[in-house]
Amino acid sequence: DNILPAGSDFPYPAASQDVHFEVELV
């Protein structure tokens, strides 16, 4: 349930000030 489907916005998460991206082949 951590999946964020295509077309959805990513809500900046609580408890963090440094959120990173990592592109991957699934």
PDB file of all heavy atoms in Angstrom:
ATOM      1  N   ASP A   1       0.812  -1.217   0.000  1.00  0.00           N
ATOM      2  CA  ASP A   1       0.000   0.000   0.000  1.00  0.00           C
ATOM      3  C   ASP A   1       0.850   1.274   0.000  1.00  0.00           C
ATOM      4  O   ASP A   1       0.320   2.380   0.090  1.00  0.00           O
ATOM      5  CB  ASP A   1      -0.998   0.017   1.156  1.00  0.00           C
ATOM      6  CG  ASP A   1      -0.362  -0.053   2.528  1.00  0.00           C
ATOM      7  OD1 ASP A   1       0.889  -0.099   2.607  1.00  0.00           O
ATOM      8  OD2 ASP A   1      -1.094  -0.048   3.527  1.00  0.00           O
ATOM      9  N   ASN A   2       2.175   1.134  -0.153  1.00  0.00           N
ATOM     10  CA  ASN A   2       3.042   2.299  -0.389  1.00  0.00           C
ATOM     11  C   ASN A   2       3.034   2.718  -1.860  1.00  0.00           C
ATOM     12  O   ASN A   2       3.568   3.777  -2.205  1.00  0.00           O
ATOM     13  CB  ASN A   2       4.487   2.008   0.014  1.00  0.00           C
ATOM     14  CG  ASN A   2       4.688   1.800   1.505  1.00  0.00           C
ATOM     15  OD1 ASN A   2       5.647   1.150   1.914  1.00  0.00           O
ATOM     16  ND2 ASN A   2       3.793   2.327   2.337  1.00  0.00           N
ATOM     17  N   ILE A   3       2.440   1.888  -2.724  1.00  0.00           N
ATOM     18  CA  ILE A   3       2.383   2.209  -4.154  1.00  0.00           C
ATOM     19  C   ILE A   3       1.603   3.505  -4.377  1.00  0.00           C
ATOM     20  O   ILE A   3       0.523   3.708  -3.822  1.00  0.00           O
ATOM     21  CB  ILE A   3       1.722   1.062  -4.952  1.00  0.00           C
ATOM     22  CG1 ILE A   3       2.651  -0.151  -5.025  1.00  0.00           C
ATOM     23  CG2 ILE A   3       1.331   1.516  -6.353  1.00  0.00           C
ATOM     24  CD1 ILE A   3       3.865   0.032  -5.918  1.00  0.00           C
ATOM     25  N   LEU A   4       2.182   4.380  -5.207  1.00  0.00           N
ATOM     26  CA  LEU A   4       1.508   5.592  -5.668  1.00  0.00           C
ATOM     27  C   LEU A   4       1.292   5.419  -7.165  1.00  0.00           C
ATOM     28  O   LEU A   4       2.245   5.457  -7.941  1.00  0.00           O
ATOM     29  CB  LEU A   4       2.366   6.830  -5.381  1.00  0.00           C
ATOM     30  CG  LEU A   4       1.736   8.174  -5.774  1.00  0.00           C
ATOM     31  CD1 LEU A   4       0.603   8.534  -4.817  1.00  0.00           C
ATOM     32  CD2 LEU A   4       2.798   9.275  -5.780  1.00  0.00           C
ATOM     33  N   PRO A   5       0.040   5.207  -7.606  1.00  0.00           N
ATOM     34  CA  PRO A   5      -0.200   4.902  -9.019  1.00  0.00           C
ATOM     35  C   PRO A   5       0.016   6.102  -9.925  1.00  0.00           C
ATOM     36  O   PRO A   5      -0.022   7.260  -9.491  1.00  0.00           O
ATOM     37  CB  PRO A   5      -1.667   4.454  -9.028  1.00  0.00           C
ATOM     38  CG  PRO A   5      -2.270   5.087  -7.825  1.00  0.00           C
ATOM     39  CD  PRO A   5      -1.188   5.166  -6.798  1.00  0.00           C
ATOM     40  N   ALA A   6       0.261   5.810 -11.180  1.00  0.00           N
ATOM     41  CA  ALA A   6       0.460   6.851 -12.188  1.00  0.00           C
ATOM     42  C   ALA A   6      -0.712   7.816 -12.185  1.00  0.00           C
ATOM     43  O   ALA A   6      -1.870   7.421 -12.036  1.00  0.00           O
ATOM     44  CB  ALA A   6       0.616   6.215 -13.563  1.00  0.00           C
ATOM     45  N   GLY A   7      -0.412   9.102 -12.329  1.00  0.00           N
ATOM     46  CA  GLY A   7      -1.441  10.125 -12.334  1.00  0.00           C
ATOM     47  C   GLY A   7      -1.726  10.712 -10.974  1.00  0.00           C
ATOM     48  O   GLY A   7      -2.549  11.633 -10.857  1.00  0.00           O
ATOM     49  N   SER A   8      -1.048  10.211  -9.936  1.00  0.00           N
ATOM     50  CA  SER A   8      -1.269  10.692  -8.574  1.00  0.00           C
ATOM     51  C   SER A   8      -0.147  11.636  -8.145  1.00  0.00           C
ATOM     52  O   SER A   8       0.993  11.519  -8.599  1.00  0.00           O
ATOM     53  CB  SER A   8      -1.330   9.518  -7.597  1.00  0.00           C
ATOM     54  OG  SER A   8      -2.344   8.606  -7.944  1.00  0.00           O
ATOM     55  N   ASP A   9      -0.468  12.570  -7.264  1.00  0.00           N
ATOM     56  CA  ASP A   9       0.531  13.456  -6.678  1.00  0.00           C
ATOM     57  C   ASP A   9       1.216  12.773  -5.500  1.00  0.00           C
ATOM     58  O   ASP A   9       0.614  11.936  -4.820  1.00  0.00           O
ATOM     59  CB  ASP A   9      -0.122  14.751  -6.190  1.00  0.00           C
ATOM     60  CG  ASP A   9      -0.671  15.607  -7.320  1.00  0.00           C
ATOM     61  OD1 ASP A   9      -0.172  15.476  -8.457  1.00  0.00           O
ATOM     62  OD2 ASP A   9      -1.611  16.382  -7.062  1.00  0.00           O
ATOM     63  N   PHE A  10       2.464  13.155  -5.257  1.00  0.00           N
ATOM     64  CA  PHE A  10       3.217  12.639  -4.115  1.00  0.00           C
ATOM     65  C   PHE A  10       3.122  13.636  -2.969  1.00  0.00           C
ATOM     66  O   PHE A  10       3.624  14.759  -3.072  1.00  0.00           O
ATOM     67  CB  PHE A  10       4.678  12.416  -4.499  1.00  0.00           C
ATOM     68  CG  PHE A  10       5.575  12.085  -3.331  1.00  0.00           C
ATOM     69  CD1 PHE A  10       5.529  10.834  -2.744  1.00  0.00           C
ATOM     70  CD2 PHE A  10       6.457  13.033  -2.817  1.00  0.00           C
ATOM     71  CE1 PHE A  10       6.349  10.527  -1.655  1.00  0.00           C
ATOM     72  CE2 PHE A  10       7.283  12.741  -1.738  1.00  0.00           C
ATOM     73  CZ  PHE A  10       7.221  11.478  -1.158  1.00  0.00           C
ATOM     74  N   PRO A  11       2.481  13.259  -1.854  1.00  0.00           N
ATOM     75  CA  PRO A  11       2.395  14.168  -0.706  1.00  0.00           C
ATOM     76  C   PRO A  11       3.704  14.172   0.072  1.00  0.00           C
ATOM     77  O   PRO A  11       4.185  13.121   0.498  1.00  0.00           O
ATOM     78  CB  PRO A  11       1.257  13.565   0.125  1.00  0.00           C
ATOM     79  CG  PRO A  11       1.263  12.111  -0.216  1.00  0.00           C
ATOM     80  CD  PRO A  11       1.742  12.003  -1.636  1.00  0.00           C
ATOM     81  N   TYR A  12       4.291  15.356   0.250  1.00  0.00           N
ATOM     82  CA  TYR A  12       5.553  15.441   0.984  1.00  0.00           C
ATOM     83  C   TYR A  12       5.324  14.878   2.388  1.00  0.00           C
ATOM     84  O   TYR A  12       4.435  15.315   3.106  1.00  0.00           O
ATOM     85  CB  TYR A  12       6.039  16.883   1.071  1.00  0.00           C
ATOM     86  CG  TYR A  12       7.505  17.000   1.411  1.00  0.00           C
ATOM     87  CD1 TYR A  12       8.453  17.113   0.408  1.00  0.00           C
ATOM     88  CD2 TYR A  12       7.934  16.970   2.738  1.00  0.00           C
ATOM     89  CE1 TYR A  12       9.811  17.218   0.710  1.00  0.00           C
ATOM     90  CE2 TYR A  12       9.285  17.057   3.049  1.00  0.00           C
ATOM     91  CZ  TYR A  12      10.217  17.176   2.037  1.00  0.00           C
ATOM     92  OH  TYR A  12      11.554  17.262   2.349  1.00  0.00           O
ATOM     93  N   PRO A  13       6.135  13.906   2.805  1.00  0.00           N
ATOM     94  CA  PRO A  13       5.838  13.170   4.043  1.00  0.00           C
ATOM     95  C   PRO A  13       6.201  13.933   5.310  1.00  0.00           C
ATOM     96  O   PRO A  13       7.084  14.797   5.316  1.00  0.00           O
ATOM     97  CB  PRO A  13       6.686  11.911   3.910  1.00  0.00           C
ATOM     98  CG  PRO A  13       7.856  12.356   3.097  1.00  0.00           C
ATOM     99  CD  PRO A  13       7.303  13.346   2.103  1.00  0.00           C
ATOM    100  N   ALA A  14       5.552  13.558   6.367  1.00  0.00           N
ATOM    101  CA  ALA A  14       5.844  14.123   7.678  1.00  0.00           C
ATOM    102  C   ALA A  14       7.168  13.587   8.209  1.00  0.00           C
ATOM    103  O   ALA A  14       7.692  12.585   7.727  1.00  0.00           O
ATOM    104  CB  ALA A  14       4.708  13.782   8.644  1.00  0.00           C
ATOM    105  N   ALA A  15       7.689  14.265   9.196  1.00  0.00           N
ATOM    106  CA  ALA A  15       8.857  13.819   9.973  1.00  0.00           C
ATOM    107  C   ALA A  15      10.158  13.833   9.186  1.00  0.00           C
ATOM    108  O   ALA A  15      11.136  13.207   9.594  1.00  0.00           O
ATOM    109  CB  ALA A  15       8.623  12.419  10.550  1.00  0.00           C
ATOM    110  N   SER A  16      10.187  14.533   8.043  1.00  0.00           N
ATOM    111  CA  SER A  16      11.401  14.586   7.246  1.00  0.00           C
ATOM    112  C   SER A  16      11.585  15.964   6.645  1.00  0.00           C
ATOM    113  O   SER A  16      10.608  16.636   6.275  1.00  0.00           O
ATOM    114  CB  SER A  16      11.360  13.545   6.126  1.00  0.00           C
ATOM    115  OG  SER A  16      12.534  13.606   5.330  1.00  0.00           O
ATOM    116  N   GLN A  17      12.842  16.367   6.515  1.00  0.00           N
ATOM    117  CA  GLN A  17      13.197  17.616   5.845  1.00  0.00           C
ATOM    118  C   GLN A  17      14.099  17.369   4.639  1.00  0.00           C
ATOM    119  O   GLN A  17      14.616  18.317   4.050  1.00  0.00           O
ATOM    120  CB  GLN A  17      13.924  18.547   6.833  1.00  0.00           C
ATOM    121  CG  GLN A  17      13.136  18.871   8.088  1.00  0.00           C
ATOM    122  CD  GLN A  17      11.862  19.621   7.792  1.00  0.00           C
ATOM    123  OE1 GLN A  17      11.836  20.516   6.946  1.00  0.00           O
ATOM    124  NE2 GLN A  17      10.775  19.259   8.473  1.00  0.00           N
ATOM    125  N   ASP A  18      14.256  16.098   4.264  1.00  0.00           N
ATOM    126  CA  ASP A  18      15.200  15.758   3.194  1.00  0.00           C
ATOM    127  C   ASP A  18      14.698  14.516   2.464  1.00  0.00           C
ATOM    128  O   ASP A  18      15.147  13.396   2.721  1.00  0.00           O
ATOM    129  CB  ASP A  18      16.597  15.517   3.789  1.00  0.00           C
ATOM    130  CG  ASP A  18      17.684  15.407   2.732  1.00  0.00           C
ATOM    131  OD1 ASP A  18      17.501  15.953   1.625  1.00  0.00           O
ATOM    132  OD2 ASP A  18      18.712  14.766   3.013  1.00  0.00           O
ATOM    133  N   VAL A  19      13.758  14.719   1.536  1.00  0.00           N
ATOM    134  CA  VAL A  19      13.121  13.613   0.811  1.00  0.00           C
ATOM    135  C   VAL A  19      13.735  13.510  -0.583  1.00  0.00           C
ATOM    136  O   VAL A  19      13.722  14.484  -1.343  1.00  0.00           O
ATOM    137  CB  VAL A  19      11.602  13.814   0.726  1.00  0.00           C
ATOM    138  CG1 VAL A  19      10.962  12.684  -0.071  1.00  0.00           C
ATOM    139  CG2 VAL A  19      11.008  13.871   2.131  1.00  0.00           C
ATOM    140  N   HIS A  20      14.269  12.324  -0.917  1.00  0.00           N
ATOM    141  CA  HIS A  20      14.996  12.120  -2.161  1.00  0.00           C
ATOM    142  C   HIS A  20      14.225  11.232  -3.141  1.00  0.00           C
ATOM    143  O   HIS A  20      13.414  10.396  -2.742  1.00  0.00           O
ATOM    144  CB  HIS A  20      16.341  11.446  -1.887  1.00  0.00           C
ATOM    145  CG  HIS A  20      17.371  12.375  -1.324  1.00  0.00           C
ATOM    146  ND1 HIS A  20      18.722  12.171  -1.483  1.00  0.00           N
ATOM    147  CD2 HIS A  20      17.249  13.529  -0.614  1.00  0.00           C
ATOM    148  CE1 HIS A  20      19.400  13.146  -0.884  1.00  0.00           C
ATOM    149  NE2 HIS A  20      18.516  13.972  -0.342  1.00  0.00           N
ATOM    150  N   PHE A  21      14.532  11.409  -4.410  1.00  0.00           N
ATOM    151  CA  PHE A  21      14.031  10.568  -5.500  1.00  0.00           C
ATOM    152  C   PHE A  21      15.099   9.562  -5.908  1.00  0.00           C
ATOM    153  O   PHE A  21      16.305   9.835  -5.806  1.00  0.00           O
ATOM    154  CB  PHE A  21      13.658  11.427  -6.710  1.00  0.00           C
ATOM    155  CG  PHE A  21      14.768  12.348  -7.145  1.00  0.00           C
ATOM    156  CD1 PHE A  21      15.834  11.888  -7.913  1.00  0.00           C
ATOM    157  CD2 PHE A  21      14.773  13.679  -6.770  1.00  0.00           C
ATOM    158  CE1 PHE A  21      16.869  12.723  -8.292  1.00  0.00           C
ATOM    159  CE2 PHE A  21      15.800  14.532  -7.145  1.00  0.00           C
ATOM    160  CZ  PHE A  21      16.862  14.052  -7.902  1.00  0.00           C
ATOM    161  N   GLU A  22      14.666   8.384  -6.394  1.00  0.00           N
ATOM    162  CA  GLU A  22      15.557   7.377  -6.966  1.00  0.00           C
ATOM    163  C   GLU A  22      14.785   6.668  -8.067  1.00  0.00           C
ATOM    164  O   GLU A  22      13.906   5.846  -7.799  1.00  0.00           O
ATOM    165  CB  GLU A  22      16.018   6.372  -5.907  1.00  0.00           C
ATOM    166  CG  GLU A  22      16.788   6.990  -4.742  1.00  0.00           C
ATOM    167  CD  GLU A  22      17.341   5.949  -3.778  1.00  0.00           C
ATOM    168  OE1 GLU A  22      17.299   4.744  -4.111  1.00  0.00           O
ATOM    169  OE2 GLU A  22      17.819   6.332  -2.699  1.00  0.00           O
ATOM    170  N   VAL A  23      15.085   6.951  -9.335  1.00  0.00           N
ATOM    171  CA  VAL A  23      14.379   6.324 -10.448  1.00  0.00           C
ATOM    172  C   VAL A  23      14.833   4.871 -10.597  1.00  0.00           C
ATOM    173  O   VAL A  23      16.011   4.558 -10.429  1.00  0.00           O
ATOM    174  CB  VAL A  23      14.610   7.105 -11.759  1.00  0.00           C
ATOM    175  CG1 VAL A  23      16.082   7.162 -12.136  1.00  0.00           C
ATOM    176  CG2 VAL A  23      13.792   6.496 -12.895  1.00  0.00           C
ATOM    177  N   GLU A  24      13.886   3.981 -10.902  1.00  0.00           N
ATOM    178  CA  GLU A  24      14.203   2.557 -10.975  1.00  0.00           C
ATOM    179  C   GLU A  24      13.369   1.851 -12.049  1.00  0.00           C
ATOM    180  O   GLU A  24      12.221   2.219 -12.306  1.00  0.00           O
ATOM    181  CB  GLU A  24      13.930   1.875  -9.625  1.00  0.00           C
ATOM    182  CG  GLU A  24      14.442   2.679  -8.430  1.00  0.00           C
ATOM    183  CD  GLU A  24      15.040   1.837  -7.333  1.00  0.00           C
ATOM    184  OE1 GLU A  24      14.976   0.602  -7.429  1.00  0.00           O
ATOM    185  OE2 GLU A  24      15.565   2.435  -6.376  1.00  0.00           O
ATOM    186  N   LEU A  25      13.948   0.828 -12.658  1.00  0.00           N
ATOM    187  CA  LEU A  25      13.193  -0.121 -13.457  1.00  0.00           C
ATOM    188  C   LEU A  25      12.471  -1.057 -12.498  1.00  0.00           C
ATOM    189  O   LEU A  25      13.094  -1.645 -11.607  1.00  0.00           O
ATOM    190  CB  LEU A  25      14.125  -0.931 -14.362  1.00  0.00           C
ATOM    191  CG  LEU A  25      13.474  -2.088 -15.132  1.00  0.00           C
ATOM    192  CD1 LEU A  25      12.547  -1.561 -16.222  1.00  0.00           C
ATOM    193  CD2 LEU A  25      14.542  -3.014 -15.720  1.00  0.00           C
ATOM    194  N   VAL A  26      11.162  -1.193 -12.663  1.00  0.00           N
ATOM    195  CA  VAL A  26      10.357  -2.071 -11.813  1.00  0.00           C
ATOM    196  C   VAL A  26      10.080  -3.373 -12.566  1.00  0.00           C
ATOM    197  O   VAL A  26       9.657  -3.343 -13.731  1.00  0.00           O
ATOM    198  CB  VAL A  26       9.037  -1.398 -11.410  1.00  0.00           C
ATOM    199  CG1 VAL A  26       8.176  -2.352 -10.583  1.00  0.00           C
ATOM    200  CG2 VAL A  26       9.313  -0.120 -10.627  1.00  0.00           C
TER     201      VAL A  26
END
